Every structure is written in C-alpha cells, then in structure tokens.
C-alpha cells in the first residue's frame, strides 16, 4: 500500500533523495567531537566513525576509486562473506582519525553528485552494481544506496542523540522497501494458515500493509498481500485438482512509529526491545517482527 509521503520515483527525485541523506551523514560527521567518533552504535561492533567509513568506502568504489583489499580479522559480528567484504572499508580506516574519514567523504560526495547529475543519464542507464557483482540500472542502484546510507544516517543519529530525517524521501523509500518484503518475511514466521497480520507505520511516514498466510499445494505457505487490489484465488492441488481453501484465522494488527519500524526493519533493535502496540495476538506479532529485518 502506498506510503505518505511517497518514495522518490523519477531520476531527479532519486538523486535528490540520495543527496539529502548523504549530506546528512557529512553534516553529522562535521559536527562530531573527537570522542563522538568512538561512540558505539546499534550495529554490533561498529562505532560512529565505522559507519562513515563504510559509506565512504562504497561510494568511493562507485566513483571509480575502490579501496585496496585488506585482511579482516574474524570479528564476532561478521556472520557471512558479505559482512566480511563490507568490513574491509571499515578495517582500512580503523586507525585513522574520525575527522580524516569525514574529510574524505567531504571530497567524495561532490564527485558522486556531479556524476549522478550528468544530463546524459537516465533511470535505465546500465551501471556497475554496488558490490562489484555485475550490473544494474541507475534507478535500482540509487534506491539501494538511498536506503543503505539512510540506515547508517539513522545509526549515527541514534548514537549521537540527534534524531531527524524520519520524514524524508529516503525514509519513505526504506519504509516502502520493508513493507514490500513483509509478505515474504511473514511467511517465514511459522504462523497457522489463515492468519492475517497488518503492520501500520503511524508516522512521520504513514503506511499500511497486510498479509494472509495461505497454504500451497506442497504443504508450505506463502504470504498473500491483503491490500494488493487483487481478489483472493484459492490454491489448487496440482495432483488431485482439489481446491485448498484458506481456513478462517485470526487478525493481528501491529502499530509502530516510523522510527521503530525502520530500526526493526534494519535489524538494529530486537523485537523484545521494540516499542509497538498490538491489537490481536501478541505472540503472532512478536514472531512476525522477529522476521521483519531486510538487511543482510
């Protein structure tokens, strides 16, 4: 279901959303005192400086200047190879002063913006992917970079106690991305077929999405979106031809602020520490929220 405000759509809107959150990261870094860079954040193992280092590393690579490879220790917060890959830009800058990392971002960002504002580009222009793994369109790359940088911006804001930008186009983009993945994530929560769950973001970004847990012919379930505008069609067993009727089930509604939804969607705050309200089954709500994170 659409958010209010709407996520950015055209290329110019996407570039401006990127510029807004990228500039926010720079502004936060420029106002940090030396001791602020060492503050812990909600991302395990990462400090304020580490988040800025990550943003600088990815954007430098996209600008054509990838970081040299460095050996990454077996930090306890690295859970997979992607995490190890993303840690390289952080590891490279761990011994540098925070002000130096911010100054690097101060020089990289204008180059990125000049490149993205090239009048020859279109939303469908083919560009390199963010991890050097093939190509994508400029529009999809920008969406990925907007939500990634905005999540790190919010990490900085939480650690520095400087809330903001929760009503921005980047915030709307991230909310939309979380709710777009909600039906698939809800299907992993082990809910009984027929159970319906609705999530409402109460603001500043307003949004609502619902899902019904629907059985499939192979015995598994899928999350059927409730507000897709399409009528429900019963599944049919491919072997017997019998209709698999969705049994009547409970309805649970979860309400939470944009900040709470996006912190959970980013995997930064566990469900047990999240502030939200439930109308319906508390256990269903907790199980769904446990599966909500879309970050790797």
Protein backbone atom coordinates (compact mmCIF):
# COMPACT_ATOMS: atom_id res chain seq x y z
CA UNK A 1 0.00 0.00 0.00
CA UNK A 2 1.46 3.46 -0.85
CA UNK A 3 3.24 5.44 1.83
CA UNK A 4 2.62 9.07 2.69
CA UNK A 5 4.88 10.80 1.83
CA UNK A 6 5.61 8.87 -1.35
CA UNK A 7 9.06 7.41 -2.04
CA UNK A 8 11.09 9.14 -4.78
CA UNK A 9 10.22 7.97 -8.29
CA UNK A 10 11.93 9.75 -11.19
CA UNK A 11 15.68 10.05 -11.60
CA UNK A 12 15.84 13.63 -10.33
CA UNK A 13 13.85 12.68 -7.20
CA UNK A 14 16.12 9.70 -6.56
CA UNK A 15 19.27 11.80 -6.93
CA UNK A 16 17.92 14.44 -4.56
CA UNK A 17 16.92 11.79 -2.00
CA UNK A 18 20.44 10.37 -2.24
CA UNK A 19 21.95 13.85 -1.88
CA UNK A 20 19.78 14.61 1.16
CA UNK A 21 20.78 11.58 3.20
CA UNK A 22 24.42 11.62 2.01
CA UNK A 23 24.72 15.29 3.02
CA UNK A 24 23.16 14.47 6.39
CA UNK A 25 25.91 11.91 7.03
CA UNK A 26 28.50 14.54 6.16
CA UNK A 27 26.87 17.19 8.35
CA UNK A 28 26.68 14.81 11.31
CA UNK A 29 30.33 13.88 10.86
CA UNK A 30 31.45 17.50 10.61
CA UNK A 31 29.81 18.32 13.94
CA UNK A 32 31.32 15.34 15.80
CA UNK A 33 33.82 15.96 18.57
CA UNK A 34 36.84 13.61 18.56
CA UNK A 35 35.30 11.43 21.26
CA UNK A 36 32.00 11.17 19.36
CA UNK A 37 33.60 9.06 16.64
CA UNK A 38 34.21 6.27 19.16
CA UNK A 39 30.61 6.03 20.32
CA UNK A 40 29.05 2.60 19.96
CA UNK A 41 26.03 2.26 17.70
CA UNK A 42 23.16 -0.21 17.34
CA UNK A 43 25.14 -2.05 14.63
CA UNK A 44 27.22 -4.62 16.54
CA UNK A 45 30.93 -3.82 16.53
CA UNK A 46 30.64 -0.53 14.67
CA UNK A 47 31.31 2.94 16.03
CA UNK A 48 30.13 6.27 14.64
CA UNK A 49 33.35 6.53 12.62
CA UNK A 50 32.89 2.99 11.25
CA UNK A 51 29.53 3.87 9.71
CA UNK A 52 31.03 6.88 7.96
CA UNK A 53 33.95 4.71 6.81
CA UNK A 54 31.52 2.22 5.28
CA UNK A 55 29.65 4.92 3.37
CA UNK A 56 32.92 6.44 2.12
CA UNK A 57 34.25 3.04 1.03
CA UNK A 58 31.19 2.06 -1.00
CA UNK A 59 30.76 5.46 -2.62
CA UNK A 60 34.47 5.76 -3.44
CA UNK A 61 34.26 2.43 -5.26
CA UNK A 62 31.21 3.64 -7.19
CA UNK A 63 33.17 6.78 -8.08
CA UNK A 64 35.87 4.57 -9.63
CA UNK A 65 38.32 4.51 -6.71
CA UNK A 66 37.85 1.22 -4.85
CA UNK A 67 39.68 0.68 -1.58
CA UNK A 68 42.67 -1.66 -1.59
CA UNK A 69 41.92 -5.05 -0.16
CA UNK A 70 42.91 -5.52 3.47
CA UNK A 71 42.86 -8.51 5.77
CA UNK A 72 39.82 -8.52 8.03
CA UNK A 73 40.09 -10.20 11.44
CA UNK A 74 37.44 -12.72 12.48
CA UNK A 75 35.34 -10.19 14.34
CA UNK A 76 32.42 -11.79 16.20
CA UNK A 77 29.90 -9.58 14.41
CA UNK A 78 30.89 -10.89 10.95
CA UNK A 79 28.34 -13.62 10.12
CA UNK A 80 28.92 -14.22 6.40
CA UNK A 81 31.15 -13.39 3.45
CA UNK A 82 29.18 -10.29 2.51
CA UNK A 83 29.73 -8.97 6.02
CA UNK A 84 33.45 -9.66 5.67
CA UNK A 85 33.50 -7.84 2.33
CA UNK A 86 31.71 -4.79 3.77
CA UNK A 87 34.06 -4.76 6.75
CA UNK A 88 37.08 -4.04 4.55
CA UNK A 89 36.39 -0.32 4.15
CA UNK A 90 35.88 -0.04 7.89
CA UNK A 91 39.02 -2.02 8.72
CA UNK A 92 41.08 0.09 6.33
CA UNK A 93 40.13 3.28 8.18
CA UNK A 94 40.10 1.99 11.78
CA UNK A 95 43.43 3.63 12.66
CA UNK A 96 42.59 6.94 11.02
CA UNK A 97 41.15 9.89 12.96
CA UNK A 98 37.41 10.38 12.51
CA UNK A 99 37.96 13.89 11.16
CA UNK A 100 40.14 12.45 8.39
CA UNK A 101 37.42 9.98 7.36
CA UNK A 102 34.84 12.79 7.32
CA UNK A 103 37.17 14.92 5.21
CA UNK A 104 37.45 12.03 2.75
CA UNK A 105 33.64 11.92 2.47
CA UNK A 106 33.64 15.69 2.02
CA UNK A 107 35.69 15.23 -1.14
CA UNK A 108 33.97 12.10 -2.47
CA UNK A 109 30.37 13.32 -2.16
CA UNK A 110 30.61 16.28 -4.60
CA UNK A 111 32.19 13.97 -7.20
CA UNK A 112 29.36 11.47 -6.80
CA UNK A 113 26.73 14.18 -7.13
CA UNK A 114 28.34 15.64 -10.25
CA UNK A 115 28.39 12.19 -11.82
CA UNK A 116 24.78 11.43 -10.89
CA UNK A 117 23.57 14.77 -12.25
CA UNK A 118 25.04 14.12 -15.69
CA UNK A 119 22.22 15.09 -18.11
CA UNK A 120 23.09 12.13 -20.33
CA UNK A 121 21.99 9.65 -17.65
CA UNK A 122 18.53 8.10 -17.45
CA UNK A 123 16.89 5.98 -14.79
CA UNK A 124 17.53 2.92 -17.00
CA UNK A 125 21.21 3.60 -17.67
CA UNK A 126 23.22 0.45 -17.00
CA UNK A 127 25.81 0.90 -14.26
CA UNK A 128 28.06 -1.29 -12.11
CA UNK A 129 26.44 -2.89 -9.07
CA UNK A 130 27.24 -1.61 -5.57
CA UNK A 131 29.33 -4.66 -4.63
CA UNK A 132 31.12 -5.04 -7.95
CA UNK A 133 28.92 -8.02 -8.75
CA UNK A 134 27.63 -7.37 -12.25
CA UNK A 135 25.48 -4.51 -13.49
CA UNK A 136 22.15 -2.92 -12.63
CA UNK A 137 20.17 0.14 -13.65
CA UNK A 138 20.96 3.55 -12.25
CA UNK A 139 17.47 3.74 -10.74
CA UNK A 140 17.88 0.49 -8.82
CA UNK A 141 21.40 1.41 -7.73
CA UNK A 142 20.18 4.72 -6.35
CA UNK A 143 17.35 3.03 -4.45
CA UNK A 144 19.82 0.62 -2.89
CA UNK A 145 22.25 3.38 -1.97
CA UNK A 146 19.49 5.63 -0.60
CA UNK A 147 18.22 3.01 1.84
CA UNK A 148 21.72 1.91 2.85
CA UNK A 149 23.03 5.42 3.51
CA UNK A 150 19.81 6.43 5.26
CA UNK A 151 20.02 3.44 7.63
CA UNK A 152 23.59 4.44 8.51
CA UNK A 153 22.49 8.04 8.92
CA UNK A 154 19.93 6.84 11.46
CA UNK A 155 22.62 4.78 13.19
CA UNK A 156 24.64 7.96 13.58
CA UNK A 157 21.65 9.95 14.80
CA UNK A 158 20.76 7.34 17.42
CA UNK A 159 24.33 7.15 18.75
CA UNK A 160 24.76 10.94 18.77
CA UNK A 161 21.23 11.60 20.09
CA UNK A 162 20.41 13.85 17.12
CA UNK A 163 17.13 12.50 15.70
CA UNK A 164 15.93 13.69 12.32
CA UNK A 165 15.13 12.94 8.68
CA UNK A 166 12.38 10.48 9.62
CA UNK A 167 10.03 12.32 7.24
CA UNK A 168 12.46 12.42 4.32
CA UNK A 169 12.11 10.80 0.88
CA UNK A 170 14.81 8.31 1.94
CA UNK A 171 12.73 7.35 4.98
CA UNK A 172 9.71 6.76 2.73
CA UNK A 173 11.86 4.62 0.42
CA UNK A 174 13.07 2.45 3.30
CA UNK A 175 9.56 2.05 4.77
CA UNK A 176 8.27 1.03 1.35
CA UNK A 177 11.12 -1.50 0.98
CA UNK A 178 10.41 -3.05 4.39
CA UNK A 179 6.68 -3.35 3.73
CA UNK A 180 7.24 -4.67 0.21
CA UNK A 181 9.19 -7.54 1.75
CA UNK A 182 6.67 -8.05 4.56
CA UNK A 183 4.54 -10.77 2.90
CA UNK A 184 7.60 -12.89 2.15
CA UNK A 185 9.05 -12.34 5.62
CA UNK A 186 5.74 -13.12 7.35
CA UNK A 187 5.59 -16.48 5.58
CA UNK A 188 8.76 -17.43 7.50
CA UNK A 189 7.21 -16.76 10.92
CA UNK A 190 5.62 -20.20 11.32
CA UNK A 191 2.06 -18.90 11.54
CA UNK A 192 -1.05 -21.00 11.05
CA UNK A 193 -2.67 -20.83 7.60
CA UNK A 194 -5.48 -18.30 7.58
CA UNK A 195 -3.73 -15.94 9.99
CA UNK A 196 -3.78 -12.32 8.86
CA UNK A 197 -1.33 -9.70 10.07
CA UNK A 198 -1.38 -5.97 9.41
CA UNK A 199 1.50 -3.57 10.06
CA UNK A 200 0.85 0.16 10.37
CA UNK A 201 3.54 2.84 10.40
CA UNK A 202 1.99 5.67 12.41
CA UNK A 203 4.36 8.41 11.28
CA UNK A 204 6.05 10.57 10.27
CA UNK A 205 5.87 8.27 7.23
CA UNK A 206 2.36 6.81 7.13
CA UNK A 207 1.98 3.34 5.64
CA UNK A 208 -0.04 0.15 6.00
CA UNK A 209 0.48 -3.37 4.70
CA UNK A 210 -1.29 -6.64 5.42
CA UNK A 211 -0.72 -10.30 4.70
CA UNK A 212 -2.72 -13.52 4.93
CA UNK A 213 -0.84 -16.78 5.48
CA UNK A 214 -2.11 -19.00 2.67
CA UNK A 215 -1.41 -22.74 2.17
CA UNK A 216 0.17 -24.09 -1.02
CA UNK A 217 -0.32 -27.46 -2.64
CA UNK A 218 3.10 -28.69 -1.49
CA UNK A 219 2.24 -28.14 2.17
CA UNK A 220 4.18 -24.91 2.53
CA UNK A 221 2.65 -21.45 2.92
CA UNK A 222 3.05 -18.08 1.28
CA UNK A 223 2.23 -14.56 2.39
CA UNK A 224 -0.66 -13.24 0.33
CA UNK A 225 -0.77 -9.40 0.33
CA UNK A 226 -4.12 -8.12 1.61
CA UNK A 227 -4.08 -4.68 0.01
CA UNK A 228 -2.82 -5.56 -3.47
CA UNK A 229 -6.12 -4.70 -5.15
CA UNK A 230 -6.47 -8.27 -6.42
CA UNK A 231 -9.11 -10.74 -5.30
CA UNK A 232 -8.03 -13.86 -3.44
CA UNK A 233 -7.90 -17.02 -5.54
CA UNK A 234 -7.80 -20.39 -3.75
CA UNK A 235 -4.83 -22.62 -4.46
CA UNK A 236 -5.44 -25.90 -6.31
CA UNK A 237 -3.62 -29.15 -5.56
CA UNK A 238 -1.72 -29.97 -8.76
CA UNK A 239 -2.06 -33.72 -8.18
CA UNK A 240 -5.72 -34.11 -7.12
CA UNK A 241 -7.15 -30.92 -8.55
CA UNK A 242 -8.86 -30.21 -5.23
CA UNK A 243 -9.21 -26.64 -4.04
CA UNK A 244 -7.11 -25.78 -0.98
CA UNK A 245 -9.40 -23.49 0.96
CA UNK A 246 -7.81 -20.97 3.32
CA UNK A 247 -9.21 -21.65 6.79
CA UNK A 248 -10.62 -18.75 8.80
CA UNK A 249 -7.99 -17.33 11.09
CA UNK A 250 -7.20 -14.50 13.48
CA UNK A 251 -6.31 -10.94 12.54
CA UNK A 252 -3.46 -9.18 14.33
CA UNK A 253 -2.60 -5.53 13.82
CA UNK A 254 0.82 -4.13 14.77
CA UNK A 255 1.24 -0.36 15.12
CA UNK A 256 4.59 1.34 15.49
CA UNK A 257 6.29 4.60 14.62
CA UNK A 258 8.40 5.08 11.53
CA UNK A 259 11.49 5.08 13.73
CA UNK A 260 10.56 1.78 15.42
CA UNK A 261 9.56 0.15 12.12
CA UNK A 262 12.76 1.14 10.36
CA UNK A 263 15.05 0.27 13.27
CA UNK A 264 13.49 -3.20 13.34
CA UNK A 265 13.49 -3.40 9.54
CA UNK A 266 17.21 -2.63 9.59
CA UNK A 267 17.77 -5.34 12.18
CA UNK A 268 19.14 -2.83 14.67
CA UNK A 269 16.66 -3.33 17.51
CA UNK A 270 15.43 -6.79 18.61
CA UNK A 271 11.70 -7.29 18.96
CA UNK A 272 11.98 -7.63 22.75
CA UNK A 273 13.36 -4.08 22.95
CA UNK A 274 10.97 -2.54 20.42
CA UNK A 275 8.13 -0.19 21.29
CA UNK A 276 4.91 -1.13 19.49
CA UNK A 277 1.25 -1.84 20.18
CA UNK A 278 -0.76 -4.90 19.21
CA UNK A 279 -4.43 -5.46 18.53
CA UNK A 280 -4.85 -9.22 18.49
CA UNK A 281 -2.34 -11.97 19.21
CA UNK A 282 0.85 -10.77 20.94
CA UNK A 283 2.73 -13.96 20.05
CA UNK A 284 1.86 -13.64 16.36
CA UNK A 285 3.03 -10.03 16.39
CA UNK A 286 6.35 -10.91 18.02
CA UNK A 287 7.01 -13.78 15.62
CA UNK A 288 6.32 -11.57 12.60
CA UNK A 289 8.51 -8.75 13.90
CA UNK A 290 11.30 -11.24 14.55
CA UNK A 291 11.36 -11.94 10.79
CA UNK A 292 10.95 -8.34 9.59
CA UNK A 293 14.59 -7.30 9.10
CA UNK A 294 15.61 -6.96 5.44
CA UNK A 295 19.31 -6.21 5.97
CA UNK A 296 21.88 -8.97 5.43
